[in-house]
PDB file of N, CA and C in Angstrom:
ATOM      1  N   MET A   1     212.661  48.950 213.211  1.00  0.00           N
ATOM      2  CA  MET A   1     212.035  49.456 212.009  1.00  0.00           C
ATOM      3  C   MET A   1     212.611  48.719 210.802  1.00  0.00           C
ATOM      4  N   VAL A   2     211.770  48.432 209.833  1.00  0.00           N
ATOM      5  CA  VAL A   2     212.174  47.768 208.595  1.00  0.00           C
ATOM      6  C   VAL A   2     212.151  48.797 207.470  1.00  0.00           C
ATOM      7  N   VAL A   3     213.240  48.843 206.686  1.00  0.00           N
ATOM      8  CA  VAL A   3     213.336  49.749 205.555  1.00  0.00           C
ATOM      9  C   VAL A   3     213.476  48.908 204.287  1.00  0.00           C
ATOM     10  N   VAL A   4     212.544  49.081 203.349  1.00  0.00           N
ATOM     11  CA  VAL A   4     212.570  48.352 202.080  1.00  0.00           C
ATOM     12  C   VAL A   4     212.733  49.375 200.964  1.00  0.00           C
ATOM     13  N   THR A   5     213.692  49.110 200.061  1.00  0.00           N
ATOM     14  CA  THR A   5     213.967  50.027 198.956  1.00  0.00           C
ATOM     15  C   THR A   5     213.941  49.272 197.636  1.00  0.00           C
ATOM     16  N   LEU A   6     213.363  49.906 196.622  1.00  0.00           N
ATOM     17  CA  LEU A   6     213.260  49.335 195.276  1.00  0.00           C
ATOM     18  C   LEU A   6     213.785  50.351 194.266  1.00  0.00           C
ATOM     19  N   GLN A   7     214.712  49.919 193.405  1.00  0.00           N
ATOM     20  CA  GLN A   7     215.168  50.748 192.281  1.00  0.00           C
ATOM     21  C   GLN A   7     214.291  50.389 191.086  1.00  0.00           C
ATOM     22  N   ARG A   8     213.145  51.033 190.994  1.00  0.00           N
ATOM     23  CA  ARG A   8     212.110  50.639 190.046  1.00  0.00           C
ATOM     24  C   ARG A   8     212.536  50.712 188.592  1.00  0.00           C
ATOM     25  N   GLU A   9     213.348  51.695 188.211  1.00  0.00           N
ATOM     26  CA  GLU A   9     213.724  51.880 186.817  1.00  0.00           C
ATOM     27  C   GLU A   9     214.491  50.681 186.260  1.00  0.00           C
ATOM     28  N   LYS A  10     215.159  49.927 187.137  1.00  0.00           N
ATOM     29  CA  LYS A  10     215.946  48.776 186.700  1.00  0.00           C
ATOM     30  C   LYS A  10     215.155  47.471 186.692  1.00  0.00           C
ATOM     31  N   CYS A  11     213.888  47.535 187.085  1.00  0.00           N
ATOM     32  CA  CYS A  11     213.032  46.346 187.160  1.00  0.00           C
ATOM     33  C   CYS A  11     212.831  45.729 185.775  1.00  0.00           C
ATOM     34  N   ILE A  12     212.907  44.384 185.705  1.00  0.00           N
ATOM     35  CA  ILE A  12     212.683  43.681 184.443  1.00  0.00           C
ATOM     36  C   ILE A  12     211.312  43.008 184.395  1.00  0.00           C
ATOM     37  N   GLY A  13     210.521  43.165 185.456  1.00  0.00           N
ATOM     38  CA  GLY A  13     209.150  42.662 185.468  1.00  0.00           C
ATOM     39  C   GLY A  13     209.011  41.158 185.629  1.00  0.00           C
ATOM     40  N   CYS A  14     209.914  40.520 186.373  1.00  0.00           N
ATOM     41  CA  CYS A  14     209.868  39.064 186.528  1.00  0.00           C
ATOM     42  C   CYS A  14     208.736  38.585 187.439  1.00  0.00           C
ATOM     43  N   ASN A  15     208.248  39.460 188.322  1.00  0.00           N
ATOM     44  CA  ASN A  15     207.109  39.191 189.207  1.00  0.00           C
ATOM     45  C   ASN A  15     207.447  38.372 190.453  1.00  0.00           C
ATOM     46  N   TYR A  16     208.706  38.025 190.696  1.00  0.00           N
ATOM     47  CA  TYR A  16     209.058  37.247 191.881  1.00  0.00           C
ATOM     48  C   TYR A  16     208.703  37.990 193.166  1.00  0.00           C
ATOM     49  N   CYS A  17     208.962  39.282 193.193  1.00  0.00           N
ATOM     50  CA  CYS A  17     208.694  40.054 194.412  1.00  0.00           C
ATOM     51  C   CYS A  17     207.212  40.041 194.765  1.00  0.00           C
ATOM     52  N   VAL A  18     206.364  40.115 193.757  1.00  0.00           N
ATOM     53  CA  VAL A  18     204.918  40.117 193.997  1.00  0.00           C
ATOM     54  C   VAL A  18     204.470  38.756 194.527  1.00  0.00           C
ATOM     55  N   GLU A  19     205.044  37.684 193.986  1.00  0.00           N
ATOM     56  CA  GLU A  19     204.677  36.346 194.437  1.00  0.00           C
ATOM     57  C   GLU A  19     205.139  36.084 195.871  1.00  0.00           C
ATOM     58  N   LEU A  20     206.305  36.605 196.239  1.00  0.00           N
ATOM     59  CA  LEU A  20     206.861  36.339 197.565  1.00  0.00           C
ATOM     60  C   LEU A  20     206.410  37.330 198.637  1.00  0.00           C
ATOM     61  N   ALA A  21     206.091  38.559 198.252  1.00  0.00           N
ATOM     62  CA  ALA A  21     205.665  39.583 199.217  1.00  0.00           C
ATOM     63  C   ALA A  21     204.533  40.427 198.634  1.00  0.00           C
ATOM     64  N   PRO A  22     203.365  39.826 198.432  1.00  0.00           N
ATOM     65  CA  PRO A  22     202.256  40.564 197.796  1.00  0.00           C
ATOM     66  C   PRO A  22     201.730  41.732 198.627  1.00  0.00           C
ATOM     67  N   GLU A  23     202.042  41.751 199.929  1.00  0.00           N
ATOM     68  CA  GLU A  23     201.609  42.871 200.757  1.00  0.00           C
ATOM     69  C   GLU A  23     202.450  44.115 200.491  1.00  0.00           C
ATOM     70  N   GLN A  24     203.667  43.923 199.979  1.00  0.00           N
ATOM     71  CA  GLN A  24     204.582  45.044 199.737  1.00  0.00           C
ATOM     72  C   GLN A  24     204.696  45.429 198.264  1.00  0.00           C
ATOM     73  N   PHE A  25     204.506  44.456 197.363  1.00  0.00           N
ATOM     74  CA  PHE A  25     204.757  44.703 195.949  1.00  0.00           C
ATOM     75  C   PHE A  25     203.548  44.392 195.084  1.00  0.00           C
ATOM     76  N   ALA A  26     203.451  45.114 193.970  1.00  0.00           N
ATOM     77  CA  ALA A  26     202.435  44.861 192.950  1.00  0.00           C
ATOM     78  C   ALA A  26     203.077  45.143 191.592  1.00  0.00           C
ATOM     79  N   MET A  27     202.478  44.608 190.534  1.00  0.00           N
ATOM     80  CA  MET A  27     202.985  44.878 189.188  1.00  0.00           C
ATOM     81  C   MET A  27     202.142  45.990 188.564  1.00  0.00           C
ATOM     82  N   SER A  28     202.813  46.922 187.933  1.00  0.00           N
ATOM     83  CA  SER A  28     202.125  48.023 187.276  1.00  0.00           C
ATOM     84  C   SER A  28     201.533  47.536 185.959  1.00  0.00           C
ATOM     85  N   LYS A  29     200.258  47.808 185.744  1.00  0.00           N
ATOM     86  CA  LYS A  29     199.637  47.458 184.471  1.00  0.00           C
ATOM     87  C   LYS A  29     200.090  48.412 183.375  1.00  0.00           C
ATOM     88  N   LYS A  30     200.596  49.559 183.790  1.00  0.00           N
ATOM     89  CA  LYS A  30     201.027  50.582 182.827  1.00  0.00           C
ATOM     90  C   LYS A  30     202.331  50.207 182.122  1.00  0.00           C
ATOM     91  N   ASP A  31     203.342  49.780 182.898  1.00  0.00           N
ATOM     92  CA  ASP A  31     204.642  49.484 182.281  1.00  0.00           C
ATOM     93  C   ASP A  31     205.196  48.102 182.617  1.00  0.00           C
ATOM     94  N   GLY A  32     204.468  47.285 183.390  1.00  0.00           N
ATOM     95  CA  GLY A  32     204.905  45.929 183.684  1.00  0.00           C
ATOM     96  C   GLY A  32     206.037  45.816 184.683  1.00  0.00           C
ATOM     97  N   LYS A  33     206.318  46.894 185.409  1.00  0.00           N
ATOM     98  CA  LYS A  33     207.381  46.879 186.409  1.00  0.00           C
ATOM     99  C   LYS A  33     206.787  46.806 187.809  1.00  0.00           C
ATOM    100  N   SER A  34     207.625  46.395 188.739  1.00  0.00           N
ATOM    101  CA  SER A  34     207.206  46.275 190.131  1.00  0.00           C
ATOM    102  C   SER A  34     206.963  47.647 190.757  1.00  0.00           C
ATOM    103  N   VAL A  35     206.003  47.683 191.672  1.00  0.00           N
ATOM    104  CA  VAL A  35     205.692  48.888 192.437  1.00  0.00           C
ATOM    105  C   VAL A  35     205.789  48.523 193.909  1.00  0.00           C
ATOM    106  N   LEU A  36     206.550  49.290 194.669  1.00  0.00           N
ATOM    107  CA  LEU A  36     206.617  49.114 196.117  1.00  0.00           C
ATOM    108  C   LEU A  36     205.463  49.924 196.705  1.00  0.00           C
ATOM    109  N   LEU A  37     204.484  49.225 197.245  1.00  0.00           N
ATOM    110  CA  LEU A  37     203.255  49.867 197.710  1.00  0.00           C
ATOM    111  C   LEU A  37     203.514  50.824 198.867  1.00  0.00           C
ATOM    112  N   HIS A  38     202.859  51.964 198.843  1.00  0.00           N
ATOM    113  CA  HIS A  38     202.924  52.997 199.888  1.00  0.00           C
ATOM    114  C   HIS A  38     204.327  53.577 200.059  1.00  0.00           C
ATOM    115  N   SER A  39     205.112  53.597 198.983  1.00  0.00           N
ATOM    116  CA  SER A  39     206.499  54.064 199.095  1.00  0.00           C
ATOM    117  C   SER A  39     206.649  55.533 198.711  1.00  0.00           C
ATOM    118  N   GLN A  40     207.773  56.090 199.136  1.00  0.00           N
ATOM    119  CA  GLN A  40     208.177  57.448 198.764  1.00  0.00           C
ATOM    120  C   GLN A  40     209.266  57.321 197.700  1.00  0.00           C
ATOM    121  N   ASN A  41     209.168  58.103 196.633  1.00  0.00           N
ATOM    122  CA  ASN A  41     210.177  58.075 195.574  1.00  0.00           C
ATOM    123  C   ASN A  41     211.163  59.213 195.786  1.00  0.00           C
ATOM    124  N   LYS A  42     212.438  58.860 195.867  1.00  0.00           N
ATOM    125  CA  LYS A  42     213.480  59.859 196.011  1.00  0.00           C
ATOM    126  C   LYS A  42     214.597  59.511 195.037  1.00  0.00           C
ATOM    127  N   LYS A  43     214.647  60.223 193.924  1.00  0.00           N
ATOM    128  CA  LYS A  43     215.671  60.035 192.893  1.00  0.00           C
ATOM    129  C   LYS A  43     215.736  58.603 192.387  1.00  0.00           C
ATOM    130  N   GLY A  44     214.567  58.003 192.141  1.00  0.00           N
ATOM    131  CA  GLY A  44     214.506  56.661 191.584  1.00  0.00           C
ATOM    132  C   GLY A  44     214.545  55.532 192.597  1.00  0.00           C
ATOM    133  N   PHE A  45     214.707  55.874 193.866  1.00  0.00           N
ATOM    134  CA  PHE A  45     214.691  54.873 194.927  1.00  0.00           C
ATOM    135  C   PHE A  45     213.359  54.976 195.663  1.00  0.00           C
ATOM    136  N   HIS A  46     212.548  53.945 195.546  1.00  0.00           N
ATOM    137  CA  HIS A  46     211.238  53.908 196.188  1.00  0.00           C
ATOM    138  C   HIS A  46     211.413  53.204 197.523  1.00  0.00           C
ATOM    139  N   THR A  47     211.047  53.879 198.614  1.00  0.00           N
ATOM    140  CA  THR A  47     211.349  53.384 199.957  1.00  0.00           C
ATOM    141  C   THR A  47     210.130  53.426 200.869  1.00  0.00           C
ATOM    142  N   ILE A  48     210.001  52.376 201.685  1.00  0.00           N
ATOM    143  CA  ILE A  48     209.027  52.397 202.777  1.00  0.00           C
ATOM    144  C   ILE A  48     209.782  52.135 204.076  1.00  0.00           C
ATOM    145  N   LYS A  49     209.314  52.764 205.139  1.00  0.00           N
ATOM    146  CA  LYS A  49     209.838  52.534 206.481  1.00  0.00           C
ATOM    147  C   LYS A  49     208.646  52.094 207.322  1.00  0.00           C
ATOM    148  N   SER A  50     208.783  50.932 207.928  1.00  0.00           N
ATOM    149  CA  SER A  50     207.660  50.378 208.670  1.00  0.00           C
ATOM    150  C   SER A  50     208.109  49.865 210.034  1.00  0.00           C
ATOM    151  N   HIS A  51     207.251  50.045 211.020  1.00  0.00           N
ATOM    152  CA  HIS A  51     207.501  49.494 212.347  1.00  0.00           C
ATOM    153  C   HIS A  51     206.989  48.057 212.436  1.00  0.00           C
ATOM    154  N   ASP A  52     206.360  47.566 211.374  1.00  0.00           N
ATOM    155  CA  ASP A  52     205.821  46.206 211.330  1.00  0.00           C
ATOM    156  C   ASP A  52     206.939  45.222 210.968  1.00  0.00           C
ATOM    157  N   GLU A  53     207.484  44.554 211.971  1.00  0.00           N
ATOM    158  CA  GLU A  53     208.565  43.583 211.742  1.00  0.00           C
ATOM    159  C   GLU A  53     208.090  42.394 210.908  1.00  0.00           C
ATOM    160  N   GLY A  54     206.783  42.204 210.821  1.00  0.00           N
ATOM    161  CA  GLY A  54     206.220  41.085 210.064  1.00  0.00           C
ATOM    162  C   GLY A  54     206.496  41.147 208.570  1.00  0.00           C
ATOM    163  N   ILE A  55     206.846  42.312 208.055  1.00  0.00           N
ATOM    164  CA  ILE A  55     207.102  42.420 206.620  1.00  0.00           C
ATOM    165  C   ILE A  55     208.538  42.037 206.264  1.00  0.00           C
ATOM    166  N   TYR A  56     209.395  41.875 207.275  1.00  0.00           N
ATOM    167  CA  TYR A  56     210.821  41.655 207.004  1.00  0.00           C
ATOM    168  C   TYR A  56     211.088  40.361 206.230  1.00  0.00           C
ATOM    169  N   ASP A  57     210.569  39.246 206.701  1.00  0.00           N
ATOM    170  CA  ASP A  57     210.888  37.953 206.091  1.00  0.00           C
ATOM    171  C   ASP A  57     210.462  37.871 204.632  1.00  0.00           C
ATOM    172  N   ALA A  58     209.224  38.255 204.331  1.00  0.00           N
ATOM    173  CA  ALA A  58     208.744  38.191 202.951  1.00  0.00           C
ATOM    174  C   ALA A  58     209.518  39.156 202.052  1.00  0.00           C
ATOM    175  N   SER A  59     209.812  40.336 202.562  1.00  0.00           N
ATOM    176  CA  SER A  59     210.567  41.320 201.780  1.00  0.00           C
ATOM    177  C   SER A  59     211.997  40.835 201.530  1.00  0.00           C
ATOM    178  N   GLU A  60     212.595  40.198 202.527  1.00  0.00           N
ATOM    179  CA  GLU A  60     213.949  39.652 202.389  1.00  0.00           C
ATOM    180  C   GLU A  60     213.968  38.528 201.352  1.00  0.00           C
ATOM    181  N   GLN A  61     212.947  37.675 201.351  1.00  0.00           N
ATOM    182  CA  GLN A  61     212.855  36.610 200.346  1.00  0.00           C
ATOM    183  C   GLN A  61     212.732  37.215 198.950  1.00  0.00           C
ATOM    184  N   ALA A  62     211.937  38.265 198.812  1.00  0.00           N
ATOM    185  CA  ALA A  62     211.779  38.935 197.525  1.00  0.00           C
ATOM    186  C   ALA A  62     213.109  39.529 197.058  1.00  0.00           C
ATOM    187  N   ALA A  63     213.848  40.121 197.988  1.00  0.00           N
ATOM    188  CA  ALA A  63     215.149  40.710 197.648  1.00  0.00           C
ATOM    189  C   ALA A  63     216.124  39.642 197.166  1.00  0.00           C
ATOM    190  N   LYS A  64     216.144  38.497 197.839  1.00  0.00           N
ATOM    191  CA  LYS A  64     217.042  37.414 197.449  1.00  0.00           C
ATOM    192  C   LYS A  64     216.653  36.797 196.113  1.00  0.00           C
ATOM    193  N   ALA A  65     215.353  36.759 195.813  1.00  0.00           N
ATOM    194  CA  ALA A  65     214.880  36.150 194.567  1.00  0.00           C
ATOM    195  C   ALA A  65     215.027  37.071 193.361  1.00  0.00           C
ATOM    196  N   CYS A  66     215.152  38.369 193.585  1.00  0.00           N
ATOM    197  CA  CYS A  66     215.215  39.340 192.486  1.00  0.00           C
ATOM    198  C   CYS A  66     216.450  39.079 191.617  1.00  0.00           C
ATOM    199  N   PRO A  67     216.262  38.782 190.321  1.00  0.00           N
ATOM    200  CA  PRO A  67     217.406  38.468 189.468  1.00  0.00           C
ATOM    201  C   PRO A  67     218.303  39.662 189.154  1.00  0.00           C
ATOM    202  N   VAL A  68     217.795  40.868 189.289  1.00  0.00           N
ATOM    203  CA  VAL A  68     218.613  42.063 189.005  1.00  0.00           C
ATOM    204  C   VAL A  68     219.034  42.786 190.281  1.00  0.00           C
ATOM    205  N   LYS A  69     218.717  42.213 191.443  1.00  0.00           N
ATOM    206  CA  LYS A  69     219.166  42.698 192.762  1.00  0.00           C
ATOM    207  C   LYS A  69     218.887  44.189 192.981  1.00  0.00           C
ATOM    208  N   ILE A  70     217.620  44.587 192.781  1.00  0.00           N
ATOM    209  CA  ILE A  70     217.238  45.999 192.927  1.00  0.00           C
ATOM    210  C   ILE A  70     216.405  46.251 194.178  1.00  0.00           C
ATOM    211  N   ILE A  71     216.267  45.238 195.042  1.00  0.00           N
ATOM    212  CA  ILE A  71     215.508  45.367 196.277  1.00  0.00           C
ATOM    213  C   ILE A  71     216.475  45.216 197.444  1.00  0.00           C
ATOM    214  N   SER A  72     216.394  46.147 198.393  1.00  0.00           N
ATOM    215  CA  SER A  72     217.185  46.009 199.618  1.00  0.00           C
ATOM    216  C   SER A  72     216.255  46.079 200.817  1.00  0.00           C
ATOM    217  N   VAL A  73     216.600  45.309 201.840  1.00  0.00           N
ATOM    218  CA  VAL A  73     215.794  45.242 203.064  1.00  0.00           C
ATOM    219  C   VAL A  73     216.761  45.364 204.239  1.00  0.00           C
ATOM    220  N   LYS A  74     216.441  46.286 205.149  1.00  0.00           N
ATOM    221  CA  LYS A  74     217.307  46.496 206.323  1.00  0.00           C
ATOM    222  C   LYS A  74     216.453  46.645 207.567  1.00  0.00           C
ATOM    223  N   ARG A  75     217.047  46.271 208.685  1.00  0.00           N
ATOM    224  CA  ARG A  75     216.442  46.576 209.989  1.00  0.00           C
ATOM    225  C   ARG A  75     217.267  47.692 210.598  1.00  0.00           C
ATOM    226  N   THR A  76     216.592  48.686 211.149  1.00  0.00           N
ATOM    227  CA  THR A  76     217.313  49.787 211.790  1.00  0.00           C
ATOM    228  C   THR A  76     216.955  49.894 213.246  1.00  0.00           C
TER     229      THR A  76
END
């Protein structure tokens, strides 16, 4: 299982995550911050859990490219 987490409140809106993993991330037109698609929000941490291993590589690239390091990707 792949777990992707985004601390949305700390997002600076650079758009790297959307460019590297458009299936997982989108930019909000409302506030210009990243949105982790289909995620659950728990105290500011937006998380998805997926059995699709195919999302790991793109999500990991997005996490590494994030200048404020607010994306984490884990395999469980």
